[in-house]
Amino acid sequence: MAADKKTDPAESAGPAEARPPRPAESPATQPLDPSEASPSPEPEPAPASKSSKRTDAEGRLEVRPIGTAQGFRELAALHKRTWSMLNVREKKVHALMWPLAIHFGLYSVKPGNERKRPPLIGAFWARCLADAPLTLGHLYPASLFNGDMLASEVFEFGGMVIDPTYQGRGLVKMMSDTARLFLFSRRPKLIITNPVEPLYEMYKQLGLKTVGRAPVDHPLAYNVKVWLMYGKFDELAKPYFM
């Protein structure tokens, strides 16, 4: 007897069972008509914070040294514009002493105008007794300079000026931080300074002490009173060195 022929179960099955039914595709796997397909929405960018918008609009502040003729002309114009609001006029001899000091200028750099010369909106200077005479050193008690103090260890700060029309933020803090960084880089034993009355509180925040109980007339500027202030580096540095 001939051997039974093996048959494929699919062939031996009835018409309805010839092939298993294809499982229905879920809507997620079914192809869509391109005309009916809708593009997936792109994620919306996160809204910029108010602080970032303000920073982009105002730009940034930069500290740069002032040592050129153009820089001094800008500095003179800034002093004249600022002090005129206080009815202050500096004598020429005072301005002639500027090149004997180290000047720091604060500039407002606007976005997109990095290649242009930014406006000078603030400045201050510092000079060492070994390089130039102290402007108002004779008004301070002689006891401040006693001991083994060298001329190279005594610095005078001055000329701190801020453009009154500047509307940005952070200028006063940046100027104070820059002055503090300079002091910590040079570490003079004694600092003397004589701020005008409107800037007295700013200098006080640096930790400087006051000589006397009232401001005095500035001998090199008309119609201006200044406070006589000083600071010893060892005392100023205590909060920063644990």
Protein backbone atom coordinates (compact mmCIF):
# COMPACT_ATOMS: atom_id res chain seq x y z
CA MET A 1 0.00 0.00 0.00
CA ALA A 2 1.34 3.34 -0.96
CA ALA A 3 2.43 5.63 1.87
CA ASP A 4 0.04 8.36 2.81
CA LYS A 5 0.95 11.67 1.23
CA LYS A 6 1.70 14.34 3.75
CA THR A 7 -0.36 17.41 3.22
CA ASP A 8 0.04 20.98 4.42
CA PRO A 9 -2.53 21.72 7.13
CA ALA A 10 -3.32 24.94 5.31
CA GLU A 11 -4.13 23.04 2.15
CA SER A 12 -6.26 20.48 3.94
CA ALA A 13 -8.29 23.08 5.67
CA GLY A 14 -11.56 24.29 4.32
CA PRO A 15 -11.93 27.46 2.30
CA ALA A 16 -12.78 29.49 5.34
CA GLU A 17 -9.84 28.13 7.21
CA ALA A 18 -7.35 28.24 4.35
CA ARG A 19 -5.54 31.17 5.87
CA PRO A 20 -5.90 32.63 9.33
CA PRO A 21 -7.63 35.96 9.35
CA ARG A 22 -5.23 38.96 9.37
CA PRO A 23 -5.51 40.72 12.65
CA ALA A 24 -7.09 44.12 12.40
CA GLU A 25 -4.58 46.96 12.63
CA SER A 26 -5.08 49.41 15.35
CA PRO A 27 -5.66 53.04 14.35
CA ALA A 28 -2.17 53.82 15.59
CA THR A 29 -0.58 51.39 13.10
CA GLN A 30 -2.87 51.96 10.13
CA PRO A 31 -1.33 54.07 7.37
CA LEU A 32 -2.99 57.42 6.89
CA ASP A 33 -3.81 59.16 3.70
CA PRO A 34 -1.25 61.95 3.26
CA SER A 35 -4.07 64.35 2.49
CA GLU A 36 -5.71 63.52 5.80
CA ALA A 37 -2.57 63.47 7.91
CA SER A 38 -2.03 66.51 10.11
CA PRO A 39 1.50 67.57 11.07
CA SER A 40 2.46 67.01 14.66
CA PRO A 41 2.51 70.29 16.56
CA GLU A 42 5.99 71.59 17.33
CA PRO A 43 6.72 72.34 20.98
CA GLU A 44 6.40 76.02 21.74
CA PRO A 45 9.56 77.66 23.05
CA ALA A 46 9.52 78.53 26.70
CA PRO A 47 8.79 82.22 27.22
CA ALA A 48 11.85 84.24 28.12
CA SER A 49 11.95 85.49 31.65
CA LYS A 50 11.67 89.18 32.38
CA SER A 51 15.21 89.27 33.70
CA SER A 52 16.66 87.78 30.50
CA LYS A 53 14.64 90.17 28.34
CA ARG A 54 15.88 93.08 30.41
CA THR A 55 19.49 91.85 30.15
CA ASP A 56 19.21 91.47 26.37
CA ALA A 57 17.81 94.97 26.03
CA GLU A 58 20.24 96.65 28.40
CA GLY A 59 23.32 94.73 27.35
CA ARG A 60 26.13 94.23 29.84
CA LEU A 61 28.54 96.27 31.90
CA GLU A 62 32.28 95.98 31.39
CA VAL A 63 35.21 97.33 33.38
CA ARG A 64 38.07 98.67 31.28
CA PRO A 65 41.13 100.72 32.10
CA ILE A 66 41.22 104.36 31.06
CA GLY A 67 44.60 105.48 29.79
CA THR A 68 44.18 107.21 26.44
CA ALA A 69 43.53 110.83 25.53
CA GLN A 70 40.06 109.94 24.24
CA GLY A 71 39.29 108.06 27.44
CA PHE A 72 40.27 111.06 29.57
CA ARG A 73 38.14 113.36 27.42
CA GLU A 74 35.16 111.05 27.99
CA LEU A 75 35.96 110.96 31.69
CA ALA A 76 36.14 114.76 31.88
CA ALA A 77 32.77 115.03 30.11
CA LEU A 78 31.25 112.50 32.51
CA HIS A 79 32.58 114.41 35.52
CA LYS A 80 31.31 117.72 34.15
CA ARG A 81 27.86 116.30 33.37
CA THR A 82 27.56 114.62 36.76
CA TRP A 83 29.02 117.28 39.02
CA SER A 84 27.11 120.06 37.27
CA MET A 85 23.91 118.55 38.65
CA LEU A 86 25.42 119.01 42.12
CA ASN A 87 26.70 122.51 41.30
CA VAL A 88 30.30 121.29 41.61
CA ARG A 89 33.27 122.56 39.58
CA GLU A 90 36.68 120.95 39.80
CA LYS A 91 39.80 123.05 39.62
CA LYS A 92 42.13 122.42 36.71
CA VAL A 93 44.93 121.32 39.00
CA HIS A 94 42.74 118.45 40.17
CA ALA A 95 42.18 117.23 36.62
CA LEU A 96 45.90 117.48 35.89
CA MET A 97 46.52 114.86 38.57
CA TRP A 98 44.34 112.28 36.82
CA PRO A 99 47.10 110.74 34.68
CA LEU A 100 49.05 110.01 37.87
CA ALA A 101 46.41 107.50 38.97
CA ILE A 102 45.06 104.17 37.76
CA HIS A 103 41.62 104.76 36.26
CA PHE A 104 38.82 102.23 35.91
CA GLY A 105 35.90 102.91 33.60
CA LEU A 106 32.55 101.15 33.54
CA TYR A 107 31.08 100.91 30.04
CA SER A 108 27.62 99.93 28.84
CA VAL A 109 27.93 97.46 25.95
CA LYS A 110 24.70 97.07 23.97
CA PRO A 111 23.90 93.83 22.12
CA GLY A 112 24.78 94.11 18.44
CA ASN A 113 27.06 97.12 19.01
CA GLU A 114 30.08 95.28 20.36
CA ARG A 115 32.31 96.79 17.68
CA LYS A 116 31.35 100.35 18.55
CA ARG A 117 32.93 102.29 21.38
CA PRO A 118 30.55 101.92 24.35
CA PRO A 119 29.57 104.93 26.45
CA LEU A 120 31.35 105.59 29.73
CA ILE A 121 28.77 105.52 32.52
CA GLY A 122 30.92 105.25 35.63
CA ALA A 123 34.52 105.52 36.79
CA PHE A 124 36.90 105.77 39.71
CA TRP A 125 40.64 106.06 40.19
CA ALA A 126 43.23 104.87 42.67
CA ARG A 127 46.76 106.10 43.19
CA CYS A 128 49.62 105.05 45.40
CA LEU A 129 51.50 107.49 47.60
CA ALA A 130 54.74 106.18 46.06
CA ASP A 131 53.53 107.23 42.58
CA ALA A 132 51.67 110.46 43.26
CA PRO A 133 50.88 112.78 46.18
CA LEU A 134 47.67 112.20 48.08
CA THR A 135 45.10 114.84 47.21
CA LEU A 136 43.74 115.41 50.70
CA GLY A 137 46.24 113.44 52.74
CA HIS A 138 47.10 116.48 54.84
CA LEU A 139 43.53 116.57 56.20
CA TYR A 140 43.82 113.14 57.81
CA PRO A 141 45.24 112.52 61.29
CA ALA A 142 48.99 111.97 61.17
CA SER A 143 48.56 108.96 63.44
CA LEU A 144 47.04 107.03 60.51
CA PHE A 145 50.40 107.06 58.74
CA ASN A 146 52.55 106.17 61.77
CA GLY A 147 54.44 102.94 62.23
CA ASP A 148 56.42 100.98 59.69
CA MET A 149 54.08 101.93 56.83
CA LEU A 150 55.78 102.49 53.46
CA ALA A 151 54.63 104.93 50.78
CA SER A 152 53.88 101.96 48.50
CA GLU A 153 51.43 100.64 51.08
CA VAL A 154 49.18 103.73 51.12
CA PHE A 155 46.50 104.19 48.44
CA GLU A 156 44.00 106.94 47.81
CA PHE A 157 40.67 106.31 46.11
CA GLY A 158 38.73 109.02 44.36
CA GLY A 159 36.85 110.22 41.33
CA MET A 160 34.00 107.76 41.76
CA VAL A 161 31.36 109.09 39.42
CA ILE A 162 28.14 107.60 38.06
CA ASP A 163 26.15 108.87 35.08
CA PRO A 164 22.87 110.12 36.59
CA THR A 165 20.99 109.42 33.34
CA TYR A 166 21.89 105.73 33.23
CA GLN A 167 18.73 103.63 33.60
CA GLY A 168 20.28 100.17 33.82
CA ARG A 169 20.72 98.09 36.93
CA GLY A 170 23.73 96.76 38.73
CA LEU A 171 26.03 99.72 38.12
CA VAL A 172 26.57 100.68 41.75
CA LYS A 173 27.14 97.07 42.81
CA MET A 174 29.58 96.42 39.97
CA MET A 175 31.54 99.57 40.76
CA SER A 176 31.75 98.63 44.43
CA ASP A 177 32.80 95.06 43.58
CA THR A 178 35.47 96.33 41.18
CA ALA A 179 36.88 98.69 43.80
CA ARG A 180 36.93 95.87 46.33
CA LEU A 181 38.67 93.51 43.88
CA PHE A 182 41.32 96.14 43.21
CA LEU A 183 41.96 96.55 46.91
CA PHE A 184 42.32 92.82 47.37
CA SER A 185 44.73 92.58 44.44
CA ARG A 186 47.03 95.33 45.78
CA ARG A 187 46.35 94.83 49.50
CA PRO A 188 47.51 98.27 50.67
CA LYS A 189 47.87 98.66 54.41
CA LEU A 190 45.97 101.95 54.39
CA ILE A 191 43.28 103.35 52.10
CA ILE A 192 42.04 106.91 52.31
CA THR A 193 39.20 108.37 50.30
CA ASN A 194 37.01 111.46 50.33
CA PRO A 195 33.59 110.85 48.76
CA VAL A 196 31.12 113.62 48.11
CA GLU A 197 28.01 113.56 50.25
CA PRO A 198 25.73 111.63 47.80
CA LEU A 199 28.29 108.79 47.58
CA TYR A 200 29.00 108.54 51.29
CA GLU A 201 26.77 105.51 51.87
CA MET A 202 28.35 103.61 48.99
CA TYR A 203 31.81 104.02 50.48
CA LYS A 204 30.50 103.12 53.89
CA GLN A 205 29.25 99.80 52.52
CA LEU A 206 32.84 98.95 51.64
CA GLY A 207 33.64 98.98 55.35
CA LEU A 208 35.47 102.32 55.46
CA LYS A 209 35.50 104.40 58.64
CA THR A 210 34.87 108.12 58.97
CA VAL A 211 37.21 110.81 60.25
CA GLY A 212 35.21 113.43 62.14
CA ARG A 213 31.47 113.79 62.36
CA ALA A 214 30.78 116.05 59.39
CA PRO A 215 31.99 116.56 55.82
CA VAL A 216 34.64 119.20 55.04
CA ASP A 217 35.15 121.63 52.17
CA HIS A 218 37.12 120.13 49.30
CA PRO A 219 40.19 122.32 48.69
CA LEU A 220 40.41 121.43 44.97
CA ALA A 221 36.76 121.69 44.00
CA TYR A 222 34.31 124.56 44.24
CA ASN A 223 31.14 124.27 46.27
CA VAL A 224 31.60 120.68 47.35
CA LYS A 225 31.87 118.99 50.70
CA VAL A 226 33.45 115.57 51.17
CA TRP A 227 33.71 113.02 53.92
CA LEU A 228 37.16 111.95 55.07
CA MET A 229 37.18 108.16 55.20
CA TYR A 230 39.82 105.50 55.62
CA GLY A 231 40.25 101.78 55.94
CA LYS A 232 42.98 99.38 56.98
CA PHE A 233 43.24 96.30 54.81
CA ASP A 234 43.62 93.89 57.71
CA GLU A 235 40.29 95.04 59.09
CA LEU A 236 38.52 95.21 55.72
CA ALA A 237 39.63 91.69 54.84
CA LYS A 238 38.39 89.98 58.02
CA PRO A 239 34.90 89.15 56.65
CA TYR A 240 36.47 87.45 53.62
CA PHE A 241 39.20 85.39 55.30
CA MET A 242 37.91 82.88 57.85
